[in-house]
Amino acid sequence: MGSGRCLQRTKEAWATGISTLAICREGPYSPKSILAVGTSTGNVDFYDASGPKLSKEPYKSIDNLTTSIDTLRFHHSGEMLAYSSRFMKDSLKLVHASSGTVIANWPTDKTPLGKVTAVDFSRRAGYLAIGNERGRVLLYQLTHFERQAG
């Protein structure tokens, strides 16, 4: 941590407010460290955090949701990011973190998420746990990560 002094300050001019942050380090499935910034307007912005300074603008911005992002969670490999908003039913998206590509085929309209309040990935075996406003925990196995864990 060194001296504990702030190394850099930046302001997102296009966002009305930062609602949550997540960071992942570079690794075998993430060629760079990534800072993900969730905003009150429903955007998720991706910054390259590998260098000594953050860029002034994100290298990717995703605007799939229209309500405030309150959960951002990277998979431990850094390959995937889950983000959600508790303010609208079924508001959860999965993103390939390096490319910023949203996984289009999941969740579907029939996935019973409800209002998502918590999200996390297991360290092994590729599980995704989703908690919702009704007190339910939904557990999904992501076969892509199951193959990596073996």
N, C-alpha and C. Protein backbone atom coordinates (compact mmCIF):
# COMPACT_ATOMS: atom_id res chain seq x y z
N MET A 1 0.83 -1.18 0.00
CA MET A 1 0.00 0.00 0.00
C MET A 1 0.87 1.24 0.00
N GLY A 2 2.11 1.14 0.38
CA GLY A 2 3.00 2.30 0.34
C GLY A 2 2.58 3.37 1.32
N SER A 3 2.56 4.61 0.86
CA SER A 3 2.25 5.74 1.73
C SER A 3 0.76 5.92 1.98
N GLY A 4 -0.08 5.21 1.24
CA GLY A 4 -1.52 5.35 1.41
C GLY A 4 -2.07 6.58 0.72
N ARG A 5 -1.24 7.26 -0.08
CA ARG A 5 -1.71 8.45 -0.80
C ARG A 5 -2.43 8.04 -2.08
N CYS A 6 -3.38 8.84 -2.48
CA CYS A 6 -4.11 8.62 -3.73
C CYS A 6 -3.14 8.81 -4.89
N LEU A 7 -3.10 7.85 -5.80
CA LEU A 7 -2.18 7.93 -6.94
C LEU A 7 -2.78 8.68 -8.12
N GLN A 8 -4.08 8.62 -8.25
CA GLN A 8 -4.72 9.27 -9.40
C GLN A 8 -6.19 9.50 -9.10
N ARG A 9 -6.73 10.57 -9.61
CA ARG A 9 -8.16 10.84 -9.55
C ARG A 9 -8.65 11.02 -10.96
N THR A 10 -9.84 10.52 -11.21
CA THR A 10 -10.44 10.69 -12.53
C THR A 10 -11.93 10.91 -12.35
N LYS A 11 -12.55 11.53 -13.31
CA LYS A 11 -13.99 11.79 -13.25
C LYS A 11 -14.62 11.30 -14.53
N GLU A 12 -15.73 10.59 -14.38
CA GLU A 12 -16.49 10.13 -15.54
C GLU A 12 -17.45 11.23 -15.93
N ALA A 13 -17.11 11.98 -16.94
CA ALA A 13 -17.93 13.12 -17.35
C ALA A 13 -19.29 12.71 -17.89
N TRP A 14 -19.40 11.55 -18.50
CA TRP A 14 -20.64 11.12 -19.14
C TRP A 14 -21.55 10.33 -18.21
N ALA A 15 -21.10 10.01 -17.01
CA ALA A 15 -21.91 9.23 -16.07
C ALA A 15 -22.48 10.17 -15.00
N THR A 16 -23.72 9.88 -14.58
CA THR A 16 -24.32 10.72 -13.55
C THR A 16 -23.88 10.32 -12.15
N GLY A 17 -23.27 9.18 -12.00
CA GLY A 17 -22.78 8.78 -10.69
C GLY A 17 -22.24 7.37 -10.70
N ILE A 18 -21.16 7.15 -9.98
CA ILE A 18 -20.58 5.82 -9.87
C ILE A 18 -21.30 5.10 -8.74
N SER A 19 -21.85 3.93 -9.04
CA SER A 19 -22.62 3.19 -8.04
C SER A 19 -21.88 1.97 -7.51
N THR A 20 -20.93 1.42 -8.26
CA THR A 20 -20.17 0.27 -7.80
C THR A 20 -18.91 0.10 -8.65
N LEU A 21 -17.91 -0.58 -8.08
CA LEU A 21 -16.63 -0.82 -8.75
C LEU A 21 -16.22 -2.27 -8.58
N ALA A 22 -15.44 -2.78 -9.53
CA ALA A 22 -14.81 -4.10 -9.39
C ALA A 22 -13.52 -4.06 -10.18
N ILE A 23 -12.53 -4.79 -9.69
CA ILE A 23 -11.24 -4.83 -10.39
C ILE A 23 -10.76 -6.26 -10.44
N CYS A 24 -10.11 -6.61 -11.55
CA CYS A 24 -9.48 -7.93 -11.64
C CYS A 24 -8.06 -7.74 -12.14
N ARG A 25 -7.21 -8.62 -11.71
CA ARG A 25 -5.81 -8.57 -12.13
C ARG A 25 -5.64 -9.34 -13.43
N GLU A 26 -4.54 -9.06 -14.10
CA GLU A 26 -4.27 -9.83 -15.30
C GLU A 26 -3.94 -11.26 -14.91
N GLY A 27 -4.23 -12.16 -15.83
CA GLY A 27 -3.99 -13.57 -15.59
C GLY A 27 -4.08 -14.33 -16.90
N PRO A 28 -4.14 -15.66 -16.83
CA PRO A 28 -4.14 -16.45 -18.06
C PRO A 28 -5.33 -16.15 -18.97
N TYR A 29 -6.46 -15.76 -18.39
CA TYR A 29 -7.65 -15.50 -19.20
C TYR A 29 -7.99 -14.02 -19.29
N SER A 30 -7.20 -13.20 -18.65
CA SER A 30 -7.39 -11.75 -18.70
C SER A 30 -6.03 -11.12 -18.97
N PRO A 31 -5.76 -10.71 -20.21
CA PRO A 31 -4.42 -10.23 -20.56
C PRO A 31 -4.04 -8.89 -19.91
N LYS A 32 -5.00 -8.24 -19.27
CA LYS A 32 -4.69 -6.97 -18.61
C LYS A 32 -5.54 -6.84 -17.36
N SER A 33 -5.11 -5.99 -16.43
CA SER A 33 -5.93 -5.67 -15.27
C SER A 33 -7.06 -4.77 -15.73
N ILE A 34 -8.26 -5.03 -15.23
CA ILE A 34 -9.44 -4.30 -15.68
C ILE A 34 -10.16 -3.70 -14.48
N LEU A 35 -10.52 -2.42 -14.60
CA LEU A 35 -11.38 -1.76 -13.63
C LEU A 35 -12.74 -1.62 -14.30
N ALA A 36 -13.77 -2.19 -13.67
CA ALA A 36 -15.15 -2.05 -14.16
C ALA A 36 -15.86 -1.05 -13.26
N VAL A 37 -16.57 -0.11 -13.87
CA VAL A 37 -17.27 0.94 -13.14
C VAL A 37 -18.75 0.87 -13.50
N GLY A 38 -19.59 0.60 -12.49
CA GLY A 38 -21.04 0.60 -12.69
C GLY A 38 -21.59 1.97 -12.35
N THR A 39 -22.55 2.44 -13.14
CA THR A 39 -23.07 3.79 -12.95
C THR A 39 -24.56 3.78 -12.62
N SER A 40 -25.02 4.90 -12.13
CA SER A 40 -26.44 5.04 -11.79
C SER A 40 -27.33 5.13 -13.03
N THR A 41 -26.73 5.31 -14.20
CA THR A 41 -27.50 5.35 -15.44
C THR A 41 -27.59 3.97 -16.10
N GLY A 42 -26.98 2.94 -15.50
CA GLY A 42 -27.05 1.59 -16.03
C GLY A 42 -25.90 1.19 -16.92
N ASN A 43 -24.91 2.04 -17.07
CA ASN A 43 -23.73 1.71 -17.88
C ASN A 43 -22.71 0.95 -17.04
N VAL A 44 -21.91 0.12 -17.73
CA VAL A 44 -20.71 -0.46 -17.14
C VAL A 44 -19.57 -0.05 -18.05
N ASP A 45 -18.58 0.64 -17.48
CA ASP A 45 -17.44 1.13 -18.24
C ASP A 45 -16.20 0.34 -17.84
N PHE A 46 -15.38 -0.02 -18.83
CA PHE A 46 -14.17 -0.81 -18.61
C PHE A 46 -12.93 0.05 -18.86
N TYR A 47 -12.03 0.04 -17.88
CA TYR A 47 -10.76 0.77 -17.99
C TYR A 47 -9.61 -0.22 -17.91
N ASP A 48 -8.56 0.04 -18.67
CA ASP A 48 -7.34 -0.74 -18.57
C ASP A 48 -6.60 -0.25 -17.33
N ALA A 49 -6.43 -1.14 -16.35
CA ALA A 49 -5.78 -0.77 -15.09
C ALA A 49 -4.39 -1.38 -14.99
N SER A 50 -3.79 -1.78 -16.13
CA SER A 50 -2.48 -2.41 -16.10
C SER A 50 -1.33 -1.43 -15.97
N GLY A 51 -1.51 -0.23 -16.46
CA GLY A 51 -0.41 0.74 -16.47
C GLY A 51 -0.35 1.55 -15.19
N PRO A 52 0.56 2.50 -15.15
CA PRO A 52 0.71 3.33 -13.96
C PRO A 52 -0.45 4.30 -13.76
N LYS A 53 -1.17 4.63 -14.84
CA LYS A 53 -2.30 5.56 -14.76
C LYS A 53 -3.49 5.00 -15.53
N LEU A 54 -4.69 5.32 -15.04
CA LEU A 54 -5.91 4.97 -15.78
C LEU A 54 -6.07 5.93 -16.94
N SER A 55 -6.63 5.42 -18.03
CA SER A 55 -6.94 6.32 -19.14
C SER A 55 -8.11 7.22 -18.73
N LYS A 56 -8.24 8.34 -19.40
CA LYS A 56 -9.33 9.27 -19.08
C LYS A 56 -10.67 8.78 -19.57
N GLU A 57 -10.66 7.88 -20.56
CA GLU A 57 -11.91 7.34 -21.10
C GLU A 57 -11.86 5.82 -21.06
N PRO A 58 -13.01 5.17 -20.91
CA PRO A 58 -13.04 3.71 -20.91
C PRO A 58 -12.73 3.17 -22.30
N TYR A 59 -12.15 1.96 -22.35
CA TYR A 59 -11.94 1.34 -23.66
C TYR A 59 -13.20 0.66 -24.15
N LYS A 60 -14.16 0.45 -23.24
CA LYS A 60 -15.44 -0.15 -23.62
C LYS A 60 -16.50 0.35 -22.65
N SER A 61 -17.69 0.61 -23.18
CA SER A 61 -18.83 1.01 -22.35
C SER A 61 -20.04 0.19 -22.79
N ILE A 62 -20.73 -0.39 -21.82
CA ILE A 62 -21.90 -1.24 -22.12
C ILE A 62 -23.12 -0.58 -21.50
N ASP A 63 -24.18 -0.49 -22.28
CA ASP A 63 -25.39 0.17 -21.78
C ASP A 63 -26.63 -0.71 -21.92
N ASN A 64 -26.50 -2.00 -21.57
CA ASN A 64 -27.63 -2.93 -21.70
C ASN A 64 -28.73 -2.72 -20.67
N LEU A 65 -28.40 -2.18 -19.51
CA LEU A 65 -29.41 -1.97 -18.47
C LEU A 65 -29.73 -0.48 -18.37
N THR A 66 -30.91 -0.18 -17.87
CA THR A 66 -31.34 1.22 -17.80
C THR A 66 -31.48 1.74 -16.37
N THR A 67 -31.24 0.87 -15.39
CA THR A 67 -31.32 1.29 -13.99
C THR A 67 -29.95 1.12 -13.34
N SER A 68 -29.75 1.73 -12.19
CA SER A 68 -28.46 1.77 -11.52
C SER A 68 -27.85 0.39 -11.33
N ILE A 69 -26.59 0.25 -11.69
CA ILE A 69 -25.84 -0.99 -11.48
C ILE A 69 -25.45 -1.04 -10.01
N ASP A 70 -25.81 -2.12 -9.32
CA ASP A 70 -25.41 -2.21 -7.91
C ASP A 70 -24.57 -3.44 -7.60
N THR A 71 -24.37 -4.32 -8.58
CA THR A 71 -23.49 -5.47 -8.37
C THR A 71 -22.59 -5.65 -9.58
N LEU A 72 -21.30 -5.74 -9.33
CA LEU A 72 -20.29 -6.09 -10.34
C LEU A 72 -19.44 -7.18 -9.73
N ARG A 73 -19.27 -8.30 -10.41
CA ARG A 73 -18.45 -9.37 -9.86
C ARG A 73 -17.68 -10.06 -10.98
N PHE A 74 -16.35 -10.05 -10.88
CA PHE A 74 -15.51 -10.76 -11.83
C PHE A 74 -15.40 -12.22 -11.42
N HIS A 75 -15.38 -13.12 -12.41
CA HIS A 75 -15.02 -14.51 -12.16
C HIS A 75 -13.56 -14.51 -11.73
N HIS A 76 -13.16 -15.45 -10.92
CA HIS A 76 -11.80 -15.48 -10.37
C HIS A 76 -10.72 -15.54 -11.45
N SER A 77 -11.05 -16.10 -12.61
CA SER A 77 -10.09 -16.15 -13.71
C SER A 77 -9.94 -14.79 -14.40
N GLY A 78 -10.88 -13.88 -14.15
CA GLY A 78 -10.88 -12.58 -14.83
C GLY A 78 -11.51 -12.62 -16.20
N GLU A 79 -11.96 -13.79 -16.62
CA GLU A 79 -12.50 -13.93 -17.98
C GLU A 79 -13.91 -13.38 -18.13
N MET A 80 -14.69 -13.41 -17.05
CA MET A 80 -16.09 -13.01 -17.15
C MET A 80 -16.46 -12.06 -16.03
N LEU A 81 -17.42 -11.18 -16.34
CA LEU A 81 -17.97 -10.25 -15.36
C LEU A 81 -19.48 -10.41 -15.35
N ALA A 82 -20.05 -10.48 -14.15
CA ALA A 82 -21.51 -10.46 -14.00
C ALA A 82 -21.87 -9.10 -13.43
N TYR A 83 -22.94 -8.50 -13.96
CA TYR A 83 -23.41 -7.24 -13.39
C TYR A 83 -24.92 -7.24 -13.35
N SER A 84 -25.47 -6.53 -12.37
CA SER A 84 -26.92 -6.55 -12.20
C SER A 84 -27.42 -5.26 -11.56
N SER A 85 -28.75 -5.12 -11.62
CA SER A 85 -29.44 -4.01 -10.98
C SER A 85 -30.65 -4.56 -10.24
N ARG A 86 -30.79 -4.22 -8.98
CA ARG A 86 -31.92 -4.71 -8.19
C ARG A 86 -33.19 -3.92 -8.46
N PHE A 87 -33.12 -2.90 -9.26
CA PHE A 87 -34.25 -2.00 -9.46
C PHE A 87 -35.19 -2.42 -10.58
N MET A 88 -34.83 -3.47 -11.31
CA MET A 88 -35.70 -3.96 -12.37
C MET A 88 -35.59 -5.49 -12.43
N LYS A 89 -36.71 -6.15 -12.61
CA LYS A 89 -36.76 -7.60 -12.65
C LYS A 89 -35.88 -8.16 -13.78
N ASP A 90 -35.19 -9.25 -13.47
CA ASP A 90 -34.36 -10.00 -14.42
C ASP A 90 -33.23 -9.17 -15.03
N SER A 91 -32.70 -8.22 -14.27
CA SER A 91 -31.62 -7.35 -14.77
C SER A 91 -30.26 -7.88 -14.37
N LEU A 92 -29.78 -8.86 -15.12
CA LEU A 92 -28.45 -9.42 -14.91
C LEU A 92 -27.86 -9.71 -16.28
N LYS A 93 -26.59 -9.41 -16.44
CA LYS A 93 -25.88 -9.68 -17.69
C LYS A 93 -24.53 -10.28 -17.37
N LEU A 94 -24.05 -11.11 -18.29
CA LEU A 94 -22.71 -11.67 -18.23
C LEU A 94 -21.91 -11.11 -19.40
N VAL A 95 -20.65 -10.77 -19.14
CA VAL A 95 -19.81 -10.14 -20.15
C VAL A 95 -18.46 -10.85 -20.21
N HIS A 96 -17.97 -11.11 -21.42
CA HIS A 96 -16.59 -11.55 -21.59
C HIS A 96 -15.73 -10.32 -21.32
N ALA A 97 -14.97 -10.35 -20.24
CA ALA A 97 -14.32 -9.13 -19.73
C ALA A 97 -13.29 -8.53 -20.69
N SER A 98 -12.44 -9.34 -21.31
CA SER A 98 -11.39 -8.78 -22.17
C SER A 98 -11.96 -8.05 -23.38
N SER A 99 -12.96 -8.65 -24.00
CA SER A 99 -13.51 -8.06 -25.23
C SER A 99 -14.67 -7.11 -24.95
N GLY A 100 -15.30 -7.24 -23.77
CA GLY A 100 -16.47 -6.42 -23.46
C GLY A 100 -17.72 -6.89 -24.18
N THR A 101 -17.73 -8.14 -24.63
CA THR A 101 -18.87 -8.70 -25.35
C THR A 101 -19.89 -9.26 -24.38
N VAL A 102 -21.13 -8.80 -24.46
CA VAL A 102 -22.21 -9.30 -23.61
C VAL A 102 -22.64 -10.67 -24.12
N ILE A 103 -22.81 -11.63 -23.21
CA ILE A 103 -23.30 -12.96 -23.56
C ILE A 103 -24.78 -12.82 -23.89
N ALA A 104 -25.13 -12.98 -25.15
CA ALA A 104 -26.49 -12.68 -25.61
C ALA A 104 -27.50 -13.78 -25.31
N ASN A 105 -27.05 -15.03 -25.20
CA ASN A 105 -28.02 -16.12 -25.07
C ASN A 105 -28.33 -16.53 -23.63
N TRP A 106 -27.82 -15.81 -22.63
CA TRP A 106 -28.16 -16.10 -21.24
C TRP A 106 -28.00 -14.84 -20.41
N PRO A 107 -28.84 -14.54 -19.46
CA PRO A 107 -30.09 -15.26 -19.18
C PRO A 107 -31.14 -15.00 -20.26
N THR A 108 -32.07 -15.92 -20.36
CA THR A 108 -33.15 -15.78 -21.33
C THR A 108 -34.37 -15.16 -20.65
N ASP A 109 -35.41 -14.91 -21.43
CA ASP A 109 -36.66 -14.38 -20.87
C ASP A 109 -37.29 -15.34 -19.87
N LYS A 110 -36.97 -16.62 -19.98
CA LYS A 110 -37.57 -17.63 -19.11
C LYS A 110 -36.72 -17.94 -17.87
N THR A 111 -35.55 -17.32 -17.74
CA THR A 111 -34.71 -17.54 -16.56
C THR A 111 -35.32 -16.77 -15.39
N PRO A 112 -35.72 -17.47 -14.32
CA PRO A 112 -36.49 -16.83 -13.23
C PRO A 112 -35.61 -16.10 -12.21
N LEU A 113 -35.00 -15.02 -12.61
CA LEU A 113 -34.08 -14.32 -11.71
C LEU A 113 -34.78 -13.46 -10.67
N GLY A 114 -35.87 -12.81 -11.04
CA GLY A 114 -36.50 -11.84 -10.15
C GLY A 114 -35.62 -10.61 -10.05
N LYS A 115 -35.74 -9.88 -8.94
CA LYS A 115 -34.90 -8.70 -8.72
C LYS A 115 -33.61 -9.14 -8.03
N VAL A 116 -32.52 -9.11 -8.77
CA VAL A 116 -31.23 -9.64 -8.32
C VAL A 116 -30.61 -8.71 -7.28
N THR A 117 -30.21 -9.28 -6.14
CA THR A 117 -29.59 -8.48 -5.07
C THR A 117 -28.13 -8.86 -4.80
N ALA A 118 -27.69 -10.04 -5.27
CA ALA A 118 -26.32 -10.47 -5.03
C ALA A 118 -25.91 -11.48 -6.10
N VAL A 119 -24.63 -11.45 -6.45
CA VAL A 119 -24.09 -12.35 -7.48
C VAL A 119 -22.67 -12.72 -7.07
N ASP A 120 -22.30 -13.99 -7.26
CA ASP A 120 -20.91 -14.38 -7.07
C ASP A 120 -20.62 -15.66 -7.85
N PHE A 121 -19.35 -15.84 -8.18
CA PHE A 121 -18.87 -17.03 -8.86
C PHE A 121 -18.12 -17.90 -7.86
N SER A 122 -18.21 -19.22 -8.04
CA SER A 122 -17.39 -20.12 -7.22
C SER A 122 -15.96 -20.09 -7.76
N ARG A 123 -15.03 -20.43 -6.91
CA ARG A 123 -13.63 -20.45 -7.33
C ARG A 123 -13.36 -21.62 -8.27
N ARG A 124 -14.03 -22.72 -8.07
CA ARG A 124 -13.85 -23.91 -8.91
C ARG A 124 -15.21 -24.43 -9.37
N ALA A 125 -15.20 -25.23 -10.38
CA ALA A 125 -16.37 -25.94 -10.90
C ALA A 125 -17.37 -25.07 -11.64
N GLY A 126 -17.11 -23.79 -11.78
CA GLY A 126 -17.93 -22.95 -12.65
C GLY A 126 -19.34 -22.67 -12.19
N TYR A 127 -19.55 -22.47 -10.90
CA TYR A 127 -20.90 -22.14 -10.42
C TYR A 127 -21.10 -20.63 -10.37
N LEU A 128 -22.32 -20.21 -10.66
CA LEU A 128 -22.74 -18.82 -10.53
C LEU A 128 -23.92 -18.81 -9.58
N ALA A 129 -23.78 -18.11 -8.45
CA ALA A 129 -24.86 -18.00 -7.46
C ALA A 129 -25.50 -16.62 -7.60
N ILE A 130 -26.84 -16.60 -7.61
CA ILE A 130 -27.59 -15.36 -7.76
C ILE A 130 -28.62 -15.29 -6.65
N GLY A 131 -28.55 -14.25 -5.83
CA GLY A 131 -29.54 -14.03 -4.78
C GLY A 131 -30.56 -13.01 -5.25
N ASN A 132 -31.81 -13.18 -4.81
CA ASN A 132 -32.82 -12.20 -5.24
C ASN A 132 -33.63 -11.66 -4.07
N GLU A 133 -34.47 -10.68 -4.38
CA GLU A 133 -35.26 -9.96 -3.39
C GLU A 133 -36.24 -10.86 -2.63
N ARG A 134 -36.61 -12.00 -3.20
CA ARG A 134 -37.55 -12.91 -2.56
C ARG A 134 -36.86 -13.87 -1.59
N GLY A 135 -35.55 -13.70 -1.41
CA GLY A 135 -34.81 -14.55 -0.48
C GLY A 135 -34.35 -15.86 -1.09
N ARG A 136 -34.40 -15.98 -2.38
CA ARG A 136 -33.98 -17.21 -3.05
C ARG A 136 -32.54 -17.09 -3.54
N VAL A 137 -31.86 -18.23 -3.53
CA VAL A 137 -30.53 -18.31 -4.13
C VAL A 137 -30.63 -19.27 -5.29
N LEU A 138 -30.28 -18.80 -6.46
CA LEU A 138 -30.31 -19.61 -7.67
C LEU A 138 -28.88 -19.99 -8.00
N LEU A 139 -28.63 -21.27 -8.23
CA LEU A 139 -27.29 -21.75 -8.51
C LEU A 139 -27.25 -22.33 -9.91
N TYR A 140 -26.38 -21.78 -10.74
CA TYR A 140 -26.24 -22.23 -12.13
C TYR A 140 -24.82 -22.72 -12.33
N GLN A 141 -24.67 -23.76 -13.15
CA GLN A 141 -23.33 -24.23 -13.49
C GLN A 141 -23.01 -23.75 -14.89
N LEU A 142 -21.89 -23.06 -15.02
CA LEU A 142 -21.43 -22.55 -16.30
C LEU A 142 -20.44 -23.57 -16.85
N THR A 143 -20.85 -24.34 -17.84
CA THR A 143 -20.04 -25.46 -18.31
C THR A 143 -18.68 -25.02 -18.85
N HIS A 144 -18.58 -23.83 -19.36
CA HIS A 144 -17.30 -23.32 -19.85
C HIS A 144 -16.25 -23.34 -18.73
N PHE A 145 -16.61 -22.89 -17.55
CA PHE A 145 -15.67 -22.84 -16.43
C PHE A 145 -15.49 -24.21 -15.78
N GLU A 146 -16.48 -25.07 -15.91
CA GLU A 146 -16.34 -26.44 -15.41
C GLU A 146 -15.18 -27.13 -16.13
N ARG A 147 -15.08 -26.91 -17.44
CA ARG A 147 -14.00 -27.52 -18.22
C ARG A 147 -12.64 -26.94 -17.82
N GLN A 148 -12.58 -25.66 -17.50
CA GLN A 148 -11.31 -25.04 -17.11
C GLN A 148 -10.81 -25.56 -15.76
N ALA A 149 -11.74 -25.85 -14.85
CA ALA A 149 -11.37 -26.24 -13.49
C ALA A 149 -10.75 -27.63 -13.45
N GLY A 150 -11.06 -28.48 -14.44
CA GLY A 150 -10.60 -29.87 -14.44
C GLY A 150 -9.18 -30.00 -14.73
